[in-house]
């Protein structure tokens, strides 16, 4: 399969790796968790609680990306919007605002703490049509 020169090159590359770069036994575990995209199984299987909802509100006000929140809480993005629209855990926004003011005094004037508003993708019914349908 390999020619004479190719096998010699493969052997040279194999011997170029320094022997002092061997990993310790705990390093593979650290490397595996450093690039962990999915949360640990204990977090992945539990439902969101009201304390999580408060933390999600605070993270929103601190401009944490929704993708990062989805990974942190291992939830569907619809669960985040249910919290932000207060369909689930009504009153969590007020609790989160009190906790935010306690944790970060003076920062509450820098963001809109109002409820989440959906931006509709359909045209407004009062909008005139540019091209008549016909």
N, C-alpha and C. Protein backbone atom coordinates (compact mmCIF):
# COMPACT_ATOMS: atom_id res chain seq x y z
N UNK A 1 0.83 -1.18 0.00
CA UNK A 1 0.00 0.00 0.00
C UNK A 1 0.87 1.24 0.00
N UNK A 2 1.82 1.31 0.90
CA UNK A 2 2.75 2.43 0.92
C UNK A 2 3.98 2.08 0.10
N UNK A 3 4.48 3.07 -0.58
CA UNK A 3 5.76 2.87 -1.25
C UNK A 3 6.88 2.97 -0.23
N UNK A 4 8.07 2.73 -0.67
CA UNK A 4 9.21 2.76 0.23
C UNK A 4 9.40 4.15 0.84
N UNK A 5 9.28 5.20 0.02
CA UNK A 5 9.47 6.57 0.52
C UNK A 5 8.34 6.99 1.46
N UNK A 6 7.10 6.57 1.14
CA UNK A 6 5.97 6.95 1.99
C UNK A 6 6.08 6.32 3.37
N UNK A 7 6.49 5.08 3.45
CA UNK A 7 6.62 4.44 4.75
C UNK A 7 7.75 5.08 5.55
N UNK A 8 8.81 5.50 4.88
CA UNK A 8 9.91 6.17 5.57
C UNK A 8 9.45 7.53 6.11
N UNK A 9 8.61 8.27 5.34
CA UNK A 9 8.10 9.56 5.80
C UNK A 9 7.18 9.35 6.99
N UNK A 10 6.33 8.34 6.92
CA UNK A 10 5.42 8.06 8.04
C UNK A 10 6.21 7.70 9.30
N UNK A 11 7.29 6.95 9.15
CA UNK A 11 8.11 6.58 10.30
C UNK A 11 8.83 7.81 10.86
N UNK A 12 9.29 8.72 9.99
CA UNK A 12 9.96 9.93 10.46
C UNK A 12 8.99 10.82 11.23
N UNK A 13 7.77 10.96 10.74
CA UNK A 13 6.77 11.79 11.43
C UNK A 13 6.44 11.18 12.78
N UNK A 14 6.35 9.86 12.83
CA UNK A 14 6.02 9.18 14.07
C UNK A 14 7.09 9.42 15.13
N UNK A 15 8.35 9.46 14.72
CA UNK A 15 9.44 9.63 15.67
C UNK A 15 9.71 11.09 16.00
N UNK A 16 9.10 12.03 15.30
CA UNK A 16 9.33 13.45 15.59
C UNK A 16 8.55 13.94 16.81
N UNK A 17 7.53 13.22 17.20
CA UNK A 17 6.73 13.65 18.35
C UNK A 17 7.57 13.50 19.60
N UNK A 18 7.79 14.59 20.34
CA UNK A 18 8.61 14.48 21.55
C UNK A 18 7.94 13.60 22.59
N UNK A 19 8.77 12.88 23.32
CA UNK A 19 8.23 11.95 24.31
C UNK A 19 7.78 12.64 25.59
N UNK A 20 8.22 13.85 25.83
CA UNK A 20 7.85 14.54 27.07
C UNK A 20 6.47 15.18 26.99
N UNK A 21 5.75 15.05 25.88
CA UNK A 21 4.42 15.66 25.75
C UNK A 21 3.30 14.71 26.13
N UNK A 22 3.60 13.65 26.83
CA UNK A 22 2.55 12.72 27.24
C UNK A 22 1.63 13.42 28.24
N UNK A 23 0.33 13.12 28.13
CA UNK A 23 -0.65 13.76 28.99
C UNK A 23 -0.74 13.04 30.33
N UNK A 24 -1.09 13.84 31.35
CA UNK A 24 -1.37 13.22 32.64
C UNK A 24 -2.73 12.55 32.59
N UNK A 25 -3.03 11.76 33.59
CA UNK A 25 -4.28 11.01 33.55
C UNK A 25 -5.51 11.91 33.71
N UNK A 26 -5.39 13.07 34.36
CA UNK A 26 -6.57 13.93 34.56
C UNK A 26 -6.75 14.93 33.42
N UNK A 27 -5.79 15.08 32.53
CA UNK A 27 -5.92 16.05 31.44
C UNK A 27 -6.99 15.68 30.42
N UNK A 28 -7.18 14.42 30.04
CA UNK A 28 -8.26 14.13 29.08
C UNK A 28 -9.62 14.53 29.62
N UNK A 29 -9.85 14.35 30.91
CA UNK A 29 -11.13 14.74 31.50
C UNK A 29 -11.31 16.25 31.41
N UNK A 30 -10.25 17.00 31.68
CA UNK A 30 -10.35 18.46 31.59
C UNK A 30 -10.59 18.90 30.16
N UNK A 31 -9.92 18.28 29.21
CA UNK A 31 -10.12 18.63 27.82
C UNK A 31 -11.54 18.30 27.37
N UNK A 32 -12.06 17.19 27.83
CA UNK A 32 -13.40 16.79 27.42
C UNK A 32 -14.45 17.75 27.95
N UNK A 33 -14.27 18.25 29.15
CA UNK A 33 -15.26 19.16 29.70
C UNK A 33 -15.06 20.59 29.23
N UNK A 34 -13.87 20.92 28.74
CA UNK A 34 -13.63 22.28 28.28
C UNK A 34 -14.45 22.61 27.04
N UNK A 35 -14.67 21.61 26.19
CA UNK A 35 -15.40 21.84 24.95
C UNK A 35 -16.78 21.19 24.97
N UNK A 36 -17.34 21.01 26.13
CA UNK A 36 -18.64 20.38 26.29
C UNK A 36 -19.72 21.34 25.81
N UNK A 37 -20.45 20.95 24.80
CA UNK A 37 -21.51 21.80 24.25
C UNK A 37 -22.81 21.53 24.97
N UNK A 38 -23.11 20.28 25.20
CA UNK A 38 -24.35 19.93 25.88
C UNK A 38 -24.13 19.95 27.38
N UNK A 39 -25.14 20.31 28.13
CA UNK A 39 -24.98 20.34 29.58
C UNK A 39 -24.86 18.93 30.15
N UNK A 40 -24.39 18.82 31.38
CA UNK A 40 -24.32 17.51 32.01
C UNK A 40 -25.70 16.87 32.10
N UNK A 41 -25.80 15.55 32.17
CA UNK A 41 -27.10 14.88 32.16
C UNK A 41 -28.01 15.29 33.31
N UNK A 42 -27.47 15.64 34.46
CA UNK A 42 -28.32 16.03 35.59
C UNK A 42 -29.08 17.31 35.27
N UNK A 43 -28.46 18.24 34.57
CA UNK A 43 -29.12 19.48 34.21
C UNK A 43 -30.06 19.26 33.03
N UNK A 44 -29.70 18.37 32.14
CA UNK A 44 -30.45 18.17 30.91
C UNK A 44 -31.85 17.62 31.17
N UNK A 45 -32.06 16.93 32.26
CA UNK A 45 -33.33 16.25 32.45
C UNK A 45 -34.28 16.94 33.42
N UNK A 46 -33.89 18.05 33.99
CA UNK A 46 -34.79 18.67 34.96
C UNK A 46 -35.58 19.82 34.33
N UNK A 47 -36.81 20.02 34.75
CA UNK A 47 -37.61 21.12 34.20
C UNK A 47 -37.17 22.46 34.79
N UNK A 48 -37.52 23.53 34.11
CA UNK A 48 -37.19 24.87 34.60
C UNK A 48 -38.02 25.21 35.82
N UNK A 49 -37.40 25.89 36.77
CA UNK A 49 -38.09 26.30 37.98
C UNK A 49 -38.27 27.81 37.98
N UNK A 50 -38.93 28.31 39.00
CA UNK A 50 -39.13 29.76 39.08
C UNK A 50 -37.81 30.49 39.34
N UNK A 51 -36.91 29.86 40.09
CA UNK A 51 -35.59 30.46 40.29
C UNK A 51 -34.81 30.53 38.97
N UNK A 52 -34.96 29.50 38.14
CA UNK A 52 -34.35 29.54 36.82
C UNK A 52 -34.95 30.68 35.99
N UNK A 53 -36.25 30.88 36.10
CA UNK A 53 -36.90 31.96 35.36
C UNK A 53 -36.35 33.32 35.77
N UNK A 54 -36.12 33.50 37.07
CA UNK A 54 -35.53 34.76 37.54
C UNK A 54 -34.13 34.93 36.98
N UNK A 55 -33.35 33.85 36.99
CA UNK A 55 -31.99 33.93 36.44
C UNK A 55 -32.01 34.17 34.93
N UNK A 56 -33.00 33.62 34.23
CA UNK A 56 -33.11 33.84 32.78
C UNK A 56 -33.45 35.29 32.49
N UNK A 57 -34.33 35.89 33.29
CA UNK A 57 -34.63 37.32 33.13
C UNK A 57 -33.37 38.16 33.34
N UNK A 58 -32.64 37.86 34.40
CA UNK A 58 -31.42 38.64 34.70
C UNK A 58 -30.40 38.46 33.58
N UNK A 59 -30.26 37.26 33.08
CA UNK A 59 -29.33 37.02 31.97
C UNK A 59 -29.76 37.79 30.72
N UNK A 60 -31.05 37.89 30.50
CA UNK A 60 -31.54 38.68 29.36
C UNK A 60 -31.16 40.13 29.51
N UNK A 61 -31.31 40.67 30.70
CA UNK A 61 -30.96 42.08 30.93
C UNK A 61 -29.46 42.31 30.88
N UNK A 62 -28.68 41.28 31.13
CA UNK A 62 -27.23 41.38 31.01
C UNK A 62 -26.75 41.06 29.59
N UNK A 63 -27.70 40.92 28.68
CA UNK A 63 -27.44 40.70 27.25
C UNK A 63 -26.76 39.37 26.95
N UNK A 64 -27.15 38.35 27.68
CA UNK A 64 -26.69 37.00 27.37
C UNK A 64 -27.48 36.49 26.17
N UNK A 65 -26.80 35.91 25.23
CA UNK A 65 -27.46 35.44 24.01
C UNK A 65 -28.44 34.31 24.33
N UNK A 66 -29.59 34.28 23.66
CA UNK A 66 -30.54 33.19 23.90
C UNK A 66 -29.96 31.82 23.61
N UNK A 67 -29.04 31.72 22.65
CA UNK A 67 -28.41 30.43 22.35
C UNK A 67 -27.63 29.93 23.57
N UNK A 68 -26.94 30.84 24.25
CA UNK A 68 -26.19 30.44 25.43
C UNK A 68 -27.13 30.02 26.56
N UNK A 69 -28.27 30.68 26.67
CA UNK A 69 -29.26 30.29 27.69
C UNK A 69 -29.85 28.92 27.36
N UNK A 70 -30.08 28.65 26.09
CA UNK A 70 -30.59 27.34 25.70
C UNK A 70 -29.61 26.24 26.08
N UNK A 71 -28.33 26.50 25.87
CA UNK A 71 -27.32 25.50 26.24
C UNK A 71 -27.19 25.36 27.74
N UNK A 72 -27.25 26.48 28.45
CA UNK A 72 -27.08 26.43 29.90
C UNK A 72 -28.20 25.66 30.57
N UNK A 73 -29.44 25.90 30.13
CA UNK A 73 -30.58 25.27 30.77
C UNK A 73 -31.09 24.05 30.01
N UNK A 74 -30.47 23.69 28.89
CA UNK A 74 -30.84 22.53 28.09
C UNK A 74 -32.34 22.55 27.78
N UNK A 75 -32.79 23.66 27.22
CA UNK A 75 -34.21 23.79 26.94
C UNK A 75 -34.42 24.28 25.51
N UNK A 76 -35.63 24.13 25.08
CA UNK A 76 -36.06 24.60 23.78
C UNK A 76 -36.19 26.13 23.84
N UNK A 77 -35.92 26.86 22.75
CA UNK A 77 -36.06 28.31 22.81
C UNK A 77 -37.46 28.77 23.13
N UNK A 78 -38.45 27.96 22.83
CA UNK A 78 -39.83 28.34 23.16
C UNK A 78 -40.03 28.46 24.66
N UNK A 79 -39.28 27.67 25.45
CA UNK A 79 -39.40 27.77 26.91
C UNK A 79 -38.90 29.13 27.40
N UNK A 80 -37.85 29.65 26.76
CA UNK A 80 -37.35 30.98 27.14
C UNK A 80 -38.39 32.05 26.85
N UNK A 81 -39.00 31.97 25.67
CA UNK A 81 -40.00 32.98 25.31
C UNK A 81 -41.26 32.84 26.15
N UNK A 82 -41.58 31.63 26.61
CA UNK A 82 -42.71 31.48 27.53
C UNK A 82 -42.42 32.20 28.84
N UNK A 83 -41.16 32.16 29.27
CA UNK A 83 -40.79 32.88 30.50
C UNK A 83 -40.82 34.38 30.25
N UNK A 84 -40.26 34.83 29.12
CA UNK A 84 -40.20 36.27 28.84
C UNK A 84 -41.57 36.87 28.55
N UNK A 85 -42.52 36.06 28.06
CA UNK A 85 -43.88 36.55 27.86
C UNK A 85 -44.73 36.31 29.10
N UNK A 86 -44.16 35.72 30.12
CA UNK A 86 -44.79 35.40 31.41
C UNK A 86 -46.00 34.49 31.26
N UNK A 87 -45.95 33.61 30.25
CA UNK A 87 -46.95 32.55 30.15
C UNK A 87 -46.67 31.54 31.25
N UNK A 88 -45.40 31.17 31.40
CA UNK A 88 -44.97 30.34 32.53
C UNK A 88 -44.36 31.27 33.57
N UNK A 89 -44.56 30.97 34.80
CA UNK A 89 -44.01 31.71 35.94
C UNK A 89 -44.39 33.19 35.89
N UNK A 90 -45.69 33.50 35.93
CA UNK A 90 -46.08 34.91 35.98
C UNK A 90 -45.57 35.55 37.27
N UNK A 91 -45.12 36.77 37.15
CA UNK A 91 -44.57 37.49 38.29
C UNK A 91 -43.07 37.30 38.45
N UNK A 92 -42.47 36.46 37.61
CA UNK A 92 -41.03 36.24 37.74
C UNK A 92 -40.23 37.47 37.30
N UNK A 93 -40.79 38.28 36.41
CA UNK A 93 -40.09 39.49 35.97
C UNK A 93 -39.93 40.47 37.13
N UNK A 94 -40.96 40.64 37.94
CA UNK A 94 -40.87 41.55 39.09
C UNK A 94 -39.85 41.03 40.11
N UNK A 95 -39.89 39.72 40.37
CA UNK A 95 -38.90 39.13 41.28
C UNK A 95 -37.48 39.29 40.75
N UNK A 96 -37.33 39.10 39.42
CA UNK A 96 -36.01 39.24 38.81
C UNK A 96 -35.53 40.69 38.86
N UNK A 97 -36.43 41.63 38.68
CA UNK A 97 -36.05 43.04 38.73
C UNK A 97 -35.59 43.43 40.14
N UNK A 98 -36.26 42.91 41.16
CA UNK A 98 -35.82 43.17 42.54
C UNK A 98 -34.44 42.55 42.79
N UNK A 99 -34.26 41.32 42.31
CA UNK A 99 -32.96 40.66 42.50
C UNK A 99 -31.87 41.37 41.70
N UNK A 100 -32.21 41.85 40.51
CA UNK A 100 -31.23 42.56 39.69
C UNK A 100 -30.80 43.86 40.37
N UNK A 101 -31.76 44.58 40.92
CA UNK A 101 -31.43 45.84 41.61
C UNK A 101 -30.56 45.58 42.84
N UNK A 102 -30.78 44.44 43.50
CA UNK A 102 -29.96 44.10 44.66
C UNK A 102 -28.55 43.70 44.25
N UNK A 103 -28.43 42.93 43.16
CA UNK A 103 -27.11 42.45 42.72
C UNK A 103 -26.31 43.52 41.98
N UNK A 104 -27.00 44.31 41.15
CA UNK A 104 -26.33 45.30 40.30
C UNK A 104 -26.98 46.66 40.50
N UNK A 105 -26.71 47.34 41.61
CA UNK A 105 -27.36 48.63 41.83
C UNK A 105 -26.92 49.67 40.80
N UNK A 106 -27.88 50.42 40.29
CA UNK A 106 -27.59 51.48 39.34
C UNK A 106 -27.62 51.06 37.88
N UNK A 107 -27.69 49.77 37.61
CA UNK A 107 -27.70 49.32 36.22
C UNK A 107 -29.10 49.18 35.64
N UNK A 108 -30.12 49.25 36.47
CA UNK A 108 -31.48 49.02 35.96
C UNK A 108 -31.97 50.13 35.05
N UNK A 109 -31.32 51.29 35.05
CA UNK A 109 -31.72 52.37 34.15
C UNK A 109 -31.15 52.18 32.75
N UNK A 110 -30.30 51.21 32.56
CA UNK A 110 -29.62 51.03 31.27
C UNK A 110 -30.34 50.07 30.32
N UNK A 111 -31.44 49.50 30.72
CA UNK A 111 -32.15 48.56 29.85
C UNK A 111 -33.64 48.72 30.05
N UNK A 112 -34.39 48.19 29.11
CA UNK A 112 -35.85 48.20 29.19
C UNK A 112 -36.29 46.97 29.98
N UNK A 113 -36.84 47.20 31.15
CA UNK A 113 -37.26 46.08 31.99
C UNK A 113 -38.70 45.69 31.75
N UNK A 114 -39.31 46.22 30.71
CA UNK A 114 -40.69 45.91 30.40
C UNK A 114 -40.85 44.49 29.90
N UNK A 115 -42.09 44.08 29.73
CA UNK A 115 -42.33 42.71 29.26
C UNK A 115 -41.88 42.54 27.80
N UNK A 116 -41.65 41.30 27.44
CA UNK A 116 -41.23 40.98 26.08
C UNK A 116 -42.37 41.28 25.12
N UNK A 117 -42.02 41.87 23.98
CA UNK A 117 -43.02 42.16 22.95
C UNK A 117 -42.62 41.41 21.68
N UNK A 118 -43.57 40.69 21.14
CA UNK A 118 -43.32 39.98 19.88
C UNK A 118 -43.33 40.98 18.73
N UNK A 119 -42.45 40.77 17.78
CA UNK A 119 -42.44 41.58 16.57
C UNK A 119 -43.12 40.75 15.49
N UNK A 120 -44.30 41.17 15.03
CA UNK A 120 -45.02 40.34 14.04
C UNK A 120 -44.30 40.37 12.69
N UNK A 121 -44.35 39.24 12.02
CA UNK A 121 -43.74 39.16 10.69
C UNK A 121 -44.75 39.44 9.58
N UNK A 122 -46.02 39.35 9.90
CA UNK A 122 -47.06 39.64 8.91
C UNK A 122 -47.23 41.15 8.79
N UNK A 123 -47.61 41.62 7.62
CA UNK A 123 -47.83 43.06 7.48
C UNK A 123 -49.01 43.53 8.33
N UNK A 124 -48.92 44.75 8.78
CA UNK A 124 -49.99 45.32 9.59
C UNK A 124 -51.25 45.43 8.74
N UNK A 125 -52.43 45.14 9.32
CA UNK A 125 -53.66 45.18 8.50
C UNK A 125 -53.97 46.59 7.97
N UNK A 126 -53.48 47.63 8.61
CA UNK A 126 -53.72 48.98 8.13
C UNK A 126 -52.74 49.43 7.06
N UNK A 127 -51.75 48.58 6.75
CA UNK A 127 -50.74 48.93 5.76
C UNK A 127 -51.33 48.82 4.36
N UNK A 128 -51.09 49.82 3.54
CA UNK A 128 -51.58 49.79 2.16
C UNK A 128 -50.75 48.79 1.35
N UNK A 129 -51.39 48.19 0.39
CA UNK A 129 -50.70 47.25 -0.48
C UNK A 129 -49.98 48.04 -1.58
N UNK A 130 -48.76 47.70 -1.85
CA UNK A 130 -48.01 48.37 -2.91
C UNK A 130 -48.49 47.88 -4.27
N UNK A 131 -48.70 46.58 -4.37
CA UNK A 131 -49.19 46.01 -5.61
C UNK A 131 -50.55 45.38 -5.36
N UNK A 132 -51.57 45.81 -6.04
CA UNK A 132 -52.91 45.21 -5.81
C UNK A 132 -52.91 43.77 -6.29
N UNK A 133 -53.56 42.94 -5.52
CA UNK A 133 -53.68 41.53 -5.91
C UNK A 133 -54.78 41.42 -6.95
N UNK A 134 -54.56 40.68 -7.96
CA UNK A 134 -55.61 40.61 -8.97
C UNK A 134 -55.44 39.60 -9.98
